[in-house]
Amino acid sequence: MGLGKRRSPYGAFLDKHRIKQEEIVKISGLSRETVSGVCGDPEYKVRRSTMVLLLMAAKQLTGKDVSKDDFWG
């Protein structure tokens, strides 16, 4: 985790909580490519529907009350 790769705020959050991207893929139903793009590219344009699924997965895996402002300002 955190292997020196460029990370978005969402990707950094997953790293901090030791959550693998594959867990997000399984819970959210999003493609591996989408999750990888969101986690690795701070400039990735996230659709609202994708954002909802990503937030739901983060909440489920951490128990934290996260919002879109935590990751996408």
N, C-alpha and C. Protein backbone atom coordinates (compact mmCIF):
# COMPACT_ATOMS: atom_id res chain seq x y z
N MET A 1 0.84 -1.18 0.00
CA MET A 1 0.00 0.00 0.00
C MET A 1 0.89 1.24 0.00
N GLY A 2 0.52 2.19 -0.82
CA GLY A 2 1.29 3.41 -0.89
C GLY A 2 2.69 3.15 -1.42
N LEU A 3 2.81 2.55 -2.56
CA LEU A 3 4.09 2.16 -3.12
C LEU A 3 4.76 3.27 -3.91
N GLY A 4 4.56 4.51 -3.50
CA GLY A 4 5.16 5.63 -4.18
C GLY A 4 4.41 6.07 -5.42
N LYS A 5 3.24 5.48 -5.64
CA LYS A 5 2.43 5.85 -6.80
C LYS A 5 1.69 7.14 -6.50
N ARG A 6 1.37 7.86 -7.56
CA ARG A 6 0.55 9.06 -7.44
C ARG A 6 -0.84 8.64 -6.98
N ARG A 7 -1.39 9.35 -5.99
CA ARG A 7 -2.69 8.98 -5.44
C ARG A 7 -3.60 10.19 -5.34
N SER A 8 -4.87 9.94 -5.55
CA SER A 8 -5.90 10.95 -5.33
C SER A 8 -6.22 10.95 -3.84
N PRO A 9 -7.00 11.93 -3.37
CA PRO A 9 -7.42 11.88 -1.97
C PRO A 9 -8.19 10.60 -1.63
N TYR A 10 -9.00 10.11 -2.57
CA TYR A 10 -9.73 8.85 -2.32
C TYR A 10 -8.75 7.68 -2.20
N GLY A 11 -7.78 7.62 -3.10
CA GLY A 11 -6.77 6.56 -3.06
C GLY A 11 -5.95 6.61 -1.78
N ALA A 12 -5.59 7.82 -1.35
CA ALA A 12 -4.83 7.98 -0.11
C ALA A 12 -5.65 7.52 1.10
N PHE A 13 -6.96 7.80 1.08
CA PHE A 13 -7.86 7.35 2.14
C PHE A 13 -7.86 5.83 2.21
N LEU A 14 -7.96 5.18 1.06
CA LEU A 14 -7.95 3.71 1.05
C LEU A 14 -6.63 3.19 1.59
N ASP A 15 -5.52 3.80 1.18
CA ASP A 15 -4.21 3.38 1.67
C ASP A 15 -4.12 3.52 3.19
N LYS A 16 -4.58 4.65 3.70
CA LYS A 16 -4.52 4.92 5.14
C LYS A 16 -5.29 3.87 5.94
N HIS A 17 -6.39 3.41 5.38
CA HIS A 17 -7.23 2.42 6.06
C HIS A 17 -6.95 0.99 5.60
N ARG A 18 -5.88 0.83 4.83
CA ARG A 18 -5.45 -0.50 4.36
C ARG A 18 -6.56 -1.25 3.62
N ILE A 19 -7.26 -0.50 2.78
CA ILE A 19 -8.33 -1.08 1.97
C ILE A 19 -7.80 -1.28 0.55
N LYS A 20 -7.94 -2.48 0.04
CA LYS A 20 -7.50 -2.76 -1.32
C LYS A 20 -8.56 -2.31 -2.32
N GLN A 21 -8.10 -1.85 -3.46
CA GLN A 21 -9.02 -1.40 -4.50
C GLN A 21 -9.99 -2.50 -4.88
N GLU A 22 -9.53 -3.74 -4.84
CA GLU A 22 -10.39 -4.87 -5.21
C GLU A 22 -11.60 -4.96 -4.28
N GLU A 23 -11.43 -4.57 -3.02
CA GLU A 23 -12.57 -4.57 -2.09
C GLU A 23 -13.61 -3.55 -2.53
N ILE A 24 -13.15 -2.40 -3.01
CA ILE A 24 -14.06 -1.36 -3.50
C ILE A 24 -14.78 -1.87 -4.75
N VAL A 25 -14.06 -2.55 -5.63
CA VAL A 25 -14.65 -3.11 -6.85
C VAL A 25 -15.78 -4.07 -6.47
N LYS A 26 -15.53 -4.97 -5.52
CA LYS A 26 -16.53 -5.97 -5.13
C LYS A 26 -17.77 -5.33 -4.52
N ILE A 27 -17.57 -4.38 -3.63
CA ILE A 27 -18.71 -3.77 -2.93
C ILE A 27 -19.49 -2.82 -3.82
N SER A 28 -18.78 -2.04 -4.62
CA SER A 28 -19.43 -1.00 -5.42
C SER A 28 -20.02 -1.51 -6.73
N GLY A 29 -19.43 -2.59 -7.26
CA GLY A 29 -19.85 -3.07 -8.57
C GLY A 29 -19.24 -2.28 -9.72
N LEU A 30 -18.33 -1.35 -9.40
CA LEU A 30 -17.64 -0.58 -10.43
C LEU A 30 -16.53 -1.42 -11.05
N SER A 31 -16.09 -1.04 -12.23
CA SER A 31 -15.02 -1.78 -12.88
C SER A 31 -13.69 -1.51 -12.20
N ARG A 32 -12.78 -2.44 -12.35
CA ARG A 32 -11.43 -2.30 -11.82
C ARG A 32 -10.75 -1.05 -12.41
N GLU A 33 -11.01 -0.80 -13.69
CA GLU A 33 -10.41 0.35 -14.37
C GLU A 33 -10.90 1.67 -13.78
N THR A 34 -12.19 1.74 -13.49
CA THR A 34 -12.75 2.96 -12.90
C THR A 34 -12.16 3.21 -11.52
N VAL A 35 -12.13 2.20 -10.68
CA VAL A 35 -11.61 2.35 -9.33
C VAL A 35 -10.13 2.73 -9.38
N SER A 36 -9.39 2.10 -10.25
CA SER A 36 -7.97 2.42 -10.40
C SER A 36 -7.79 3.88 -10.84
N GLY A 37 -8.59 4.33 -11.79
CA GLY A 37 -8.51 5.71 -12.26
C GLY A 37 -8.83 6.70 -11.16
N VAL A 38 -9.88 6.43 -10.41
CA VAL A 38 -10.28 7.32 -9.32
C VAL A 38 -9.20 7.39 -8.25
N CYS A 39 -8.58 6.26 -7.95
CA CYS A 39 -7.58 6.21 -6.88
C CYS A 39 -6.24 6.79 -7.29
N GLY A 40 -5.89 6.67 -8.55
CA GLY A 40 -4.56 7.06 -8.98
C GLY A 40 -4.44 8.43 -9.61
N ASP A 41 -5.52 9.01 -10.05
CA ASP A 41 -5.46 10.27 -10.78
C ASP A 41 -6.27 11.35 -10.06
N PRO A 42 -5.58 12.30 -9.41
CA PRO A 42 -6.29 13.37 -8.70
C PRO A 42 -7.19 14.21 -9.61
N GLU A 43 -6.95 14.19 -10.91
CA GLU A 43 -7.74 14.97 -11.87
C GLU A 43 -8.86 14.15 -12.51
N TYR A 44 -9.04 12.90 -12.10
CA TYR A 44 -10.06 12.03 -12.67
C TYR A 44 -11.44 12.64 -12.47
N LYS A 45 -12.20 12.72 -13.55
CA LYS A 45 -13.55 13.28 -13.48
C LYS A 45 -14.52 12.17 -13.06
N VAL A 46 -15.06 12.30 -11.87
CA VAL A 46 -15.93 11.27 -11.29
C VAL A 46 -17.39 11.66 -11.50
N ARG A 47 -18.15 10.77 -12.10
CA ARG A 47 -19.59 10.98 -12.25
C ARG A 47 -20.26 10.91 -10.88
N ARG A 48 -21.36 11.61 -10.75
CA ARG A 48 -22.09 11.62 -9.48
C ARG A 48 -22.49 10.20 -9.07
N SER A 49 -22.97 9.40 -10.02
CA SER A 49 -23.41 8.03 -9.70
C SER A 49 -22.23 7.18 -9.22
N THR A 50 -21.06 7.39 -9.80
CA THR A 50 -19.85 6.67 -9.38
C THR A 50 -19.44 7.13 -7.99
N MET A 51 -19.51 8.43 -7.77
CA MET A 51 -19.16 9.01 -6.47
C MET A 51 -20.01 8.40 -5.36
N VAL A 52 -21.30 8.26 -5.60
CA VAL A 52 -22.21 7.69 -4.60
C VAL A 52 -21.77 6.27 -4.25
N LEU A 53 -21.44 5.48 -5.26
CA LEU A 53 -21.01 4.09 -5.02
C LEU A 53 -19.68 4.04 -4.27
N LEU A 54 -18.75 4.92 -4.62
CA LEU A 54 -17.46 4.96 -3.94
C LEU A 54 -17.60 5.37 -2.47
N LEU A 55 -18.45 6.35 -2.22
CA LEU A 55 -18.67 6.79 -0.84
C LEU A 55 -19.35 5.70 -0.02
N MET A 56 -20.32 5.03 -0.61
CA MET A 56 -21.01 3.94 0.07
C MET A 56 -20.00 2.83 0.45
N ALA A 57 -19.12 2.49 -0.46
CA ALA A 57 -18.13 1.45 -0.19
C ALA A 57 -17.16 1.88 0.91
N ALA A 58 -16.71 3.13 0.86
CA ALA A 58 -15.79 3.64 1.89
C ALA A 58 -16.46 3.63 3.26
N LYS A 59 -17.72 4.03 3.33
CA LYS A 59 -18.45 4.03 4.60
C LYS A 59 -18.61 2.61 5.12
N GLN A 60 -18.95 1.70 4.24
CA GLN A 60 -19.18 0.31 4.64
C GLN A 60 -17.90 -0.33 5.17
N LEU A 61 -16.78 -0.05 4.53
CA LEU A 61 -15.52 -0.70 4.90
C LEU A 61 -14.83 -0.06 6.11
N THR A 62 -15.10 1.22 6.37
CA THR A 62 -14.42 1.89 7.47
C THR A 62 -15.33 2.24 8.64
N GLY A 63 -16.64 2.32 8.38
CA GLY A 63 -17.56 2.75 9.42
C GLY A 63 -17.51 4.26 9.66
N LYS A 64 -16.76 4.96 8.82
CA LYS A 64 -16.62 6.41 8.95
C LYS A 64 -17.68 7.12 8.11
N ASP A 65 -18.09 8.28 8.58
CA ASP A 65 -19.06 9.09 7.86
C ASP A 65 -18.31 10.00 6.89
N VAL A 66 -18.08 9.52 5.69
CA VAL A 66 -17.34 10.29 4.69
C VAL A 66 -18.32 10.97 3.75
N SER A 67 -17.87 12.08 3.16
CA SER A 67 -18.71 12.79 2.20
C SER A 67 -17.88 13.13 0.97
N LYS A 68 -18.56 13.56 -0.08
CA LYS A 68 -17.86 13.89 -1.33
C LYS A 68 -16.82 14.99 -1.11
N ASP A 69 -17.09 15.90 -0.18
CA ASP A 69 -16.15 16.99 0.09
C ASP A 69 -14.83 16.50 0.67
N ASP A 70 -14.83 15.32 1.26
CA ASP A 70 -13.58 14.74 1.80
C ASP A 70 -12.61 14.37 0.69
N PHE A 71 -13.14 14.10 -0.51
CA PHE A 71 -12.30 13.61 -1.59
C PHE A 71 -12.32 14.47 -2.84
N TRP A 72 -13.44 15.13 -3.09
CA TRP A 72 -13.59 15.85 -4.35
C TRP A 72 -13.94 17.32 -4.16
N GLY A 73 -13.65 17.85 -2.99
CA GLY A 73 -13.82 19.26 -2.67
C GLY A 73 -15.02 19.85 -3.15
